[in-house]
N, C-alpha and C. Protein backbone atom coordinates (compact mmCIF):
# COMPACT_ATOMS: atom_id res chain seq x y z
N MET A 1 38.38 -15.06 52.37
CA MET A 1 39.12 -15.80 51.35
C MET A 1 40.50 -16.16 51.91
N SER A 2 40.87 -17.40 51.81
CA SER A 2 42.15 -17.82 52.33
C SER A 2 43.26 -17.45 51.35
N ILE A 3 44.47 -17.41 51.85
CA ILE A 3 45.63 -17.09 51.00
C ILE A 3 45.80 -18.13 49.91
N THR A 4 45.47 -19.39 50.22
CA THR A 4 45.59 -20.46 49.24
C THR A 4 44.63 -20.25 48.07
N SER A 5 43.39 -19.92 48.38
CA SER A 5 42.42 -19.70 47.29
C SER A 5 42.76 -18.43 46.51
N TYR A 6 43.28 -17.42 47.21
CA TYR A 6 43.71 -16.19 46.52
C TYR A 6 44.83 -16.51 45.54
N LEU A 7 45.83 -17.25 45.99
CA LEU A 7 46.97 -17.60 45.13
C LEU A 7 46.52 -18.49 43.97
N ARG A 8 45.59 -19.40 44.23
CA ARG A 8 45.07 -20.26 43.17
C ARG A 8 44.37 -19.39 42.12
N GLY A 9 43.58 -18.42 42.57
CA GLY A 9 42.91 -17.50 41.65
C GLY A 9 43.89 -16.68 40.85
N LEU A 10 44.96 -16.23 41.49
CA LEU A 10 45.99 -15.47 40.80
C LEU A 10 46.69 -16.32 39.75
N LEU A 11 46.97 -17.58 40.09
CA LEU A 11 47.58 -18.50 39.14
C LEU A 11 46.66 -18.74 37.96
N GLU A 12 45.37 -18.93 38.23
CA GLU A 12 44.42 -19.14 37.14
C GLU A 12 44.37 -17.91 36.23
N PHE A 13 44.35 -16.72 36.84
CA PHE A 13 44.35 -15.49 36.05
C PHE A 13 45.59 -15.43 35.16
N THR A 14 46.74 -15.73 35.74
CA THR A 14 47.99 -15.68 34.99
C THR A 14 47.97 -16.65 33.82
N LEU A 15 47.46 -17.84 34.04
CA LEU A 15 47.40 -18.83 32.97
C LEU A 15 46.44 -18.40 31.86
N TYR A 16 45.28 -17.87 32.25
CA TYR A 16 44.34 -17.36 31.25
C TYR A 16 44.98 -16.23 30.45
N ARG A 17 45.62 -15.30 31.15
CA ARG A 17 46.26 -14.17 30.49
C ARG A 17 47.30 -14.65 29.48
N GLU A 18 48.13 -15.57 29.87
CA GLU A 18 49.18 -16.07 28.99
C GLU A 18 48.60 -16.84 27.80
N PHE A 19 47.54 -17.60 28.05
CA PHE A 19 46.88 -18.33 26.98
C PHE A 19 46.42 -17.36 25.89
N PHE A 20 45.70 -16.33 26.30
CA PHE A 20 45.17 -15.38 25.33
C PHE A 20 46.26 -14.46 24.76
N ARG A 21 47.29 -14.19 25.55
CA ARG A 21 48.40 -13.39 25.04
C ARG A 21 49.13 -14.13 23.92
N ALA A 22 49.22 -15.45 24.04
CA ALA A 22 49.86 -16.24 22.98
C ALA A 22 49.10 -16.13 21.68
N LEU A 23 47.80 -16.01 21.75
CA LEU A 23 46.97 -15.88 20.54
C LEU A 23 46.79 -14.43 20.10
N ALA A 24 47.09 -13.48 20.98
CA ALA A 24 46.80 -12.08 20.70
C ALA A 24 47.76 -11.45 19.69
N LYS A 25 48.91 -12.06 19.48
CA LYS A 25 49.83 -11.52 18.48
C LYS A 25 49.34 -11.96 17.10
N GLU A 26 49.22 -11.01 16.20
CA GLU A 26 48.62 -11.27 14.89
C GLU A 26 49.34 -12.39 14.13
N THR A 27 50.65 -12.44 14.21
CA THR A 27 51.41 -13.47 13.49
C THR A 27 51.06 -14.86 14.02
N ARG A 28 51.05 -15.02 15.33
CA ARG A 28 50.73 -16.33 15.91
C ARG A 28 49.28 -16.72 15.61
N PHE A 29 48.39 -15.75 15.69
CA PHE A 29 46.98 -16.03 15.37
C PHE A 29 46.85 -16.52 13.93
N ALA A 30 47.54 -15.85 13.00
CA ALA A 30 47.47 -16.25 11.59
C ALA A 30 48.03 -17.65 11.39
N ILE A 31 49.12 -17.98 12.07
CA ILE A 31 49.72 -19.31 11.96
C ILE A 31 48.74 -20.37 12.47
N VAL A 32 48.15 -20.11 13.62
CA VAL A 32 47.18 -21.06 14.20
C VAL A 32 46.02 -21.27 13.24
N GLN A 33 45.49 -20.18 12.69
CA GLN A 33 44.36 -20.31 11.76
C GLN A 33 44.75 -21.11 10.52
N LEU A 34 45.95 -20.88 10.00
CA LEU A 34 46.41 -21.64 8.83
C LEU A 34 46.55 -23.12 9.18
N LEU A 35 47.11 -23.42 10.34
CA LEU A 35 47.32 -24.82 10.72
C LEU A 35 46.01 -25.54 10.99
N ARG A 36 44.93 -24.82 11.18
CA ARG A 36 43.62 -25.46 11.32
C ARG A 36 43.22 -26.16 10.03
N SER A 37 43.78 -25.70 8.90
CA SER A 37 43.46 -26.32 7.61
C SER A 37 44.32 -27.55 7.33
N GLY A 38 45.37 -27.76 8.12
CA GLY A 38 46.22 -28.93 7.95
C GLY A 38 47.67 -28.62 8.24
N PRO A 39 48.51 -29.66 8.29
CA PRO A 39 49.93 -29.48 8.60
C PRO A 39 50.67 -28.70 7.51
N HIS A 40 51.69 -27.95 7.93
CA HIS A 40 52.54 -27.18 7.02
C HIS A 40 53.96 -27.14 7.59
N HIS A 41 54.94 -26.98 6.72
CA HIS A 41 56.29 -26.71 7.21
C HIS A 41 56.53 -25.20 7.16
N VAL A 42 57.61 -24.76 7.77
CA VAL A 42 57.88 -23.32 7.93
C VAL A 42 57.81 -22.57 6.60
N GLY A 43 58.44 -23.12 5.58
CA GLY A 43 58.44 -22.45 4.27
C GLY A 43 57.03 -22.25 3.72
N GLN A 44 56.20 -23.26 3.86
CA GLN A 44 54.81 -23.14 3.39
C GLN A 44 54.05 -22.09 4.18
N ILE A 45 54.26 -22.07 5.48
CA ILE A 45 53.57 -21.09 6.33
C ILE A 45 53.98 -19.68 5.92
N GLY A 46 55.28 -19.47 5.78
CA GLY A 46 55.77 -18.15 5.38
C GLY A 46 55.25 -17.73 4.02
N GLU A 47 55.24 -18.66 3.09
CA GLU A 47 54.76 -18.37 1.74
C GLU A 47 53.27 -18.02 1.73
N LYS A 48 52.47 -18.82 2.41
CA LYS A 48 51.02 -18.59 2.41
C LYS A 48 50.61 -17.33 3.17
N LEU A 49 51.36 -17.00 4.22
CA LEU A 49 50.99 -15.84 5.04
C LEU A 49 51.77 -14.58 4.67
N GLY A 50 52.80 -14.74 3.84
CA GLY A 50 53.60 -13.59 3.44
C GLY A 50 54.57 -13.12 4.52
N PHE A 51 55.02 -14.04 5.38
CA PHE A 51 55.96 -13.71 6.46
C PHE A 51 57.33 -14.30 6.14
N GLN A 52 58.37 -13.65 6.64
CA GLN A 52 59.72 -14.19 6.50
C GLN A 52 59.85 -15.44 7.37
N GLN A 53 60.72 -16.34 6.94
CA GLN A 53 60.88 -17.61 7.64
C GLN A 53 61.29 -17.39 9.10
N SER A 54 62.16 -16.41 9.35
CA SER A 54 62.60 -16.17 10.73
C SER A 54 61.44 -15.75 11.63
N ARG A 55 60.53 -14.96 11.07
CA ARG A 55 59.35 -14.52 11.83
C ARG A 55 58.45 -15.71 12.13
N VAL A 56 58.26 -16.58 11.16
CA VAL A 56 57.44 -17.78 11.35
C VAL A 56 58.08 -18.68 12.40
N SER A 57 59.37 -18.93 12.28
CA SER A 57 60.07 -19.82 13.22
C SER A 57 60.00 -19.29 14.65
N HIS A 58 60.21 -17.99 14.80
CA HIS A 58 60.15 -17.37 16.13
C HIS A 58 58.78 -17.58 16.78
N ASN A 59 57.73 -17.35 16.02
CA ASN A 59 56.39 -17.48 16.57
C ASN A 59 55.96 -18.93 16.74
N LEU A 60 56.45 -19.82 15.88
CA LEU A 60 56.19 -21.25 16.07
C LEU A 60 56.82 -21.76 17.36
N ALA A 61 57.99 -21.22 17.72
CA ALA A 61 58.64 -21.63 18.96
C ALA A 61 57.72 -21.34 20.15
N CYS A 62 57.10 -20.18 20.14
CA CYS A 62 56.15 -19.82 21.21
C CYS A 62 54.97 -20.78 21.20
N LEU A 63 54.40 -21.00 20.04
CA LEU A 63 53.22 -21.87 19.93
C LEU A 63 53.54 -23.30 20.36
N LEU A 64 54.74 -23.77 20.05
CA LEU A 64 55.17 -25.10 20.50
C LEU A 64 55.31 -25.13 22.01
N ASN A 65 55.99 -24.13 22.57
CA ASN A 65 56.17 -24.08 24.03
C ASN A 65 54.84 -24.04 24.76
N CYS A 66 53.88 -23.34 24.21
CA CYS A 66 52.57 -23.19 24.85
C CYS A 66 51.67 -24.40 24.63
N GLY A 67 52.08 -25.32 23.77
CA GLY A 67 51.29 -26.52 23.52
C GLY A 67 50.19 -26.34 22.49
N PHE A 68 50.20 -25.22 21.79
CA PHE A 68 49.17 -24.97 20.78
C PHE A 68 49.43 -25.77 19.51
N VAL A 69 50.72 -26.03 19.25
CA VAL A 69 51.17 -26.64 18.00
C VAL A 69 52.04 -27.84 18.33
N LEU A 70 51.97 -28.86 17.49
CA LEU A 70 52.83 -30.04 17.60
C LEU A 70 53.70 -30.10 16.34
N SER A 71 54.82 -30.79 16.43
CA SER A 71 55.69 -30.90 15.25
C SER A 71 56.25 -32.30 15.13
N GLU A 72 56.64 -32.63 13.89
CA GLU A 72 57.30 -33.91 13.63
C GLU A 72 58.15 -33.75 12.36
N TRP A 73 59.21 -34.52 12.30
CA TRP A 73 60.07 -34.47 11.13
C TRP A 73 59.50 -35.36 10.04
N GLN A 74 59.45 -34.82 8.83
CA GLN A 74 59.10 -35.60 7.64
C GLN A 74 60.22 -35.36 6.64
N GLY A 75 61.15 -36.30 6.61
CA GLY A 75 62.33 -36.11 5.78
C GLY A 75 63.16 -34.96 6.32
N LYS A 76 63.47 -34.00 5.47
CA LYS A 76 64.28 -32.85 5.88
C LYS A 76 63.44 -31.72 6.46
N ASN A 77 62.14 -31.84 6.40
CA ASN A 77 61.26 -30.77 6.87
C ASN A 77 60.61 -31.10 8.20
N LYS A 78 60.57 -30.11 9.05
CA LYS A 78 59.81 -30.23 10.29
C LYS A 78 58.41 -29.72 9.98
N VAL A 79 57.42 -30.57 10.18
CA VAL A 79 56.04 -30.24 9.84
C VAL A 79 55.29 -29.91 11.12
N TYR A 80 54.53 -28.83 11.06
CA TYR A 80 53.77 -28.34 12.21
C TYR A 80 52.29 -28.57 11.98
N ARG A 81 51.60 -28.95 13.06
CA ARG A 81 50.16 -29.12 12.98
C ARG A 81 49.56 -28.60 14.27
N LEU A 82 48.33 -28.22 14.19
CA LEU A 82 47.63 -27.71 15.36
C LEU A 82 47.36 -28.84 16.33
N ASN A 83 47.58 -28.61 17.60
CA ASN A 83 47.22 -29.57 18.63
C ASN A 83 45.70 -29.79 18.53
N PRO A 84 45.24 -31.03 18.41
CA PRO A 84 43.80 -31.28 18.25
C PRO A 84 42.94 -30.65 19.34
N ASP A 85 43.46 -30.57 20.56
CA ASP A 85 42.72 -29.93 21.64
C ASP A 85 42.45 -28.46 21.33
N MET A 86 43.39 -27.82 20.66
CA MET A 86 43.25 -26.40 20.34
C MET A 86 42.11 -26.15 19.37
N ASP A 87 41.89 -27.05 18.45
CA ASP A 87 40.81 -26.85 17.48
C ASP A 87 39.46 -26.82 18.21
N GLU A 88 39.29 -27.71 19.18
CA GLU A 88 38.06 -27.71 19.97
C GLU A 88 37.91 -26.41 20.76
N ILE A 89 38.99 -25.95 21.36
CA ILE A 89 38.96 -24.71 22.14
C ILE A 89 38.62 -23.53 21.24
N LEU A 90 39.26 -23.44 20.08
CA LEU A 90 39.02 -22.33 19.17
C LEU A 90 37.60 -22.35 18.63
N THR A 91 37.07 -23.53 18.36
CA THR A 91 35.69 -23.64 17.91
C THR A 91 34.74 -23.12 18.98
N GLY A 92 34.99 -23.47 20.23
CA GLY A 92 34.17 -22.97 21.34
C GLY A 92 34.25 -21.46 21.46
N ILE A 93 35.44 -20.91 21.33
CA ILE A 93 35.61 -19.45 21.39
C ILE A 93 34.86 -18.79 20.24
N GLU A 94 34.96 -19.36 19.05
CA GLU A 94 34.28 -18.78 17.88
C GLU A 94 32.76 -18.80 18.05
N GLU A 95 32.23 -19.85 18.67
CA GLU A 95 30.79 -19.90 18.93
C GLU A 95 30.38 -18.77 19.89
N HIS A 96 31.21 -18.55 20.90
CA HIS A 96 30.95 -17.46 21.84
C HIS A 96 31.03 -16.11 21.12
N LEU A 97 32.04 -15.94 20.31
CA LEU A 97 32.21 -14.67 19.59
C LEU A 97 31.02 -14.39 18.67
N ALA A 98 30.54 -15.42 17.99
CA ALA A 98 29.39 -15.24 17.10
C ALA A 98 28.17 -14.78 17.89
N GLN A 99 27.99 -15.33 19.07
CA GLN A 99 26.82 -14.99 19.89
C GLN A 99 26.96 -13.61 20.52
N TYR A 100 28.17 -13.24 20.93
CA TYR A 100 28.35 -12.01 21.70
C TYR A 100 29.09 -10.90 20.95
N ALA A 101 29.25 -11.03 19.66
CA ALA A 101 29.97 -10.02 18.88
C ALA A 101 29.40 -8.61 19.05
N PRO A 102 28.09 -8.42 18.96
CA PRO A 102 27.56 -7.05 19.14
C PRO A 102 27.89 -6.48 20.53
N ALA A 103 27.80 -7.31 21.56
CA ALA A 103 28.10 -6.84 22.92
C ALA A 103 29.57 -6.49 23.06
N LEU A 104 30.44 -7.31 22.49
CA LEU A 104 31.88 -7.02 22.54
C LEU A 104 32.19 -5.73 21.79
N ASP A 105 31.55 -5.56 20.65
CA ASP A 105 31.80 -4.39 19.82
C ASP A 105 31.31 -3.10 20.47
N SER A 106 30.26 -3.18 21.26
CA SER A 106 29.70 -1.97 21.86
C SER A 106 30.14 -1.74 23.31
N CYS A 107 31.03 -2.55 23.82
CA CYS A 107 31.47 -2.42 25.21
C CYS A 107 32.29 -1.14 25.39
N GLY A 108 31.73 -0.20 26.14
CA GLY A 108 32.41 1.07 26.37
C GLY A 108 33.70 0.93 27.15
N VAL A 109 33.74 0.00 28.07
CA VAL A 109 34.96 -0.20 28.87
C VAL A 109 36.11 -0.65 27.97
N LEU A 110 35.85 -1.63 27.09
CA LEU A 110 36.90 -2.10 26.18
C LEU A 110 37.35 -0.98 25.24
N LYS A 111 36.40 -0.19 24.75
CA LYS A 111 36.76 0.92 23.87
C LYS A 111 37.65 1.92 24.59
N ALA A 112 37.31 2.23 25.83
CA ALA A 112 38.11 3.19 26.59
C ALA A 112 39.51 2.66 26.85
N GLU A 113 39.61 1.37 27.11
CA GLU A 113 40.92 0.78 27.38
C GLU A 113 41.79 0.70 26.14
N SER A 114 41.20 0.72 24.98
CA SER A 114 42.00 0.58 23.75
C SER A 114 42.42 1.91 23.16
N LYS A 115 41.99 3.02 23.76
CA LYS A 115 42.39 4.32 23.25
C LYS A 115 43.87 4.53 23.51
N PRO A 116 44.58 5.07 22.52
CA PRO A 116 46.01 5.29 22.72
C PRO A 116 46.25 6.38 23.76
N ILE A 117 47.32 6.22 24.48
CA ILE A 117 47.72 7.22 25.46
C ILE A 117 48.63 8.21 24.74
N VAL A 118 48.31 9.47 24.85
CA VAL A 118 49.09 10.51 24.18
C VAL A 118 49.96 11.20 25.23
N ILE A 119 51.24 11.25 24.96
CA ILE A 119 52.17 11.95 25.84
C ILE A 119 52.52 13.26 25.17
N VAL A 120 52.23 14.35 25.87
CA VAL A 120 52.49 15.67 25.33
C VAL A 120 53.75 16.21 25.99
N ARG A 121 54.72 16.55 25.18
CA ARG A 121 55.95 17.13 25.71
C ARG A 121 55.75 18.63 25.85
N THR A 122 56.21 19.14 26.93
CA THR A 122 56.07 20.57 27.14
C THR A 122 57.44 21.24 27.03
N THR A 123 57.41 22.49 26.67
CA THR A 123 58.65 23.27 26.64
C THR A 123 58.87 23.83 28.03
N PRO A 124 60.10 24.17 28.40
CA PRO A 124 60.36 24.70 29.74
C PRO A 124 59.50 25.90 30.09
N SER A 125 59.15 26.72 29.12
CA SER A 125 58.34 27.91 29.42
C SER A 125 56.93 27.55 29.85
N GLN A 126 56.48 26.33 29.52
CA GLN A 126 55.13 25.90 29.90
C GLN A 126 55.10 25.26 31.29
N LEU A 127 56.27 25.02 31.87
CA LEU A 127 56.34 24.39 33.18
C LEU A 127 56.26 25.44 34.28
N PRO A 128 55.86 25.01 35.49
CA PRO A 128 55.91 25.93 36.62
C PRO A 128 57.36 26.41 36.84
N ARG A 129 57.50 27.60 37.40
CA ARG A 129 58.82 28.23 37.57
C ARG A 129 59.79 27.33 38.33
N SER A 130 59.34 26.63 39.37
CA SER A 130 60.23 25.77 40.17
C SER A 130 60.81 24.63 39.32
N GLN A 131 60.00 24.06 38.46
CA GLN A 131 60.50 22.98 37.59
C GLN A 131 61.46 23.53 36.54
N ARG A 132 61.18 24.74 36.05
CA ARG A 132 62.08 25.36 35.06
C ARG A 132 63.46 25.56 35.66
N ARG A 133 63.51 26.01 36.92
CA ARG A 133 64.81 26.24 37.58
C ARG A 133 65.59 24.93 37.68
N ARG A 134 64.89 23.84 38.06
CA ARG A 134 65.58 22.54 38.18
C ARG A 134 66.16 22.11 36.85
N ILE A 135 65.40 22.28 35.77
CA ILE A 135 65.88 21.89 34.45
C ILE A 135 67.09 22.71 34.05
N LEU A 136 67.02 24.01 34.29
CA LEU A 136 68.14 24.89 33.93
C LEU A 136 69.39 24.54 34.74
N LYS A 137 69.21 24.24 36.03
CA LYS A 137 70.34 23.86 36.88
C LYS A 137 70.97 22.56 36.39
N SER A 138 70.14 21.57 36.04
CA SER A 138 70.68 20.28 35.61
C SER A 138 71.42 20.41 34.28
N LYS A 139 71.01 21.34 33.41
CA LYS A 139 71.69 21.53 32.13
C LYS A 139 73.06 22.18 32.32
N LYS A 140 73.20 23.01 33.38
CA LYS A 140 74.48 23.68 33.63
C LYS A 140 75.53 22.70 34.14
N ARG A 141 75.12 21.61 34.73
CA ARG A 141 76.08 20.65 35.31
C ARG A 141 76.80 19.89 34.28
């Protein structure tokens, strides 16, 4: 594999990751789904989804930057609508999800990756003697 093809693959991975990361936040996903039903201004989006206007505006900025959403001024309101290309993409994803939902749900690898990591704090008496000495020395300083 040449360095050029490796870098191209890395770039493609990064773009895919960012595409799905933009949709992975629940607020942005909810906004996109609402905009599939038609254009809305910030106040309407916040009202229908139960989000504060600042939260809606922040997430719309991301969706605009990523090209998922388009906007235009209508009088005093900026109206947002889903990029038509996105509706086709989302429909394709939904068809895949409908077909592979059982497989996704039963994937052991995904389940293992989603388990929370637990950090257990230990008391100095539970540490090896050498580490206890270091902790005690650092506290005296």
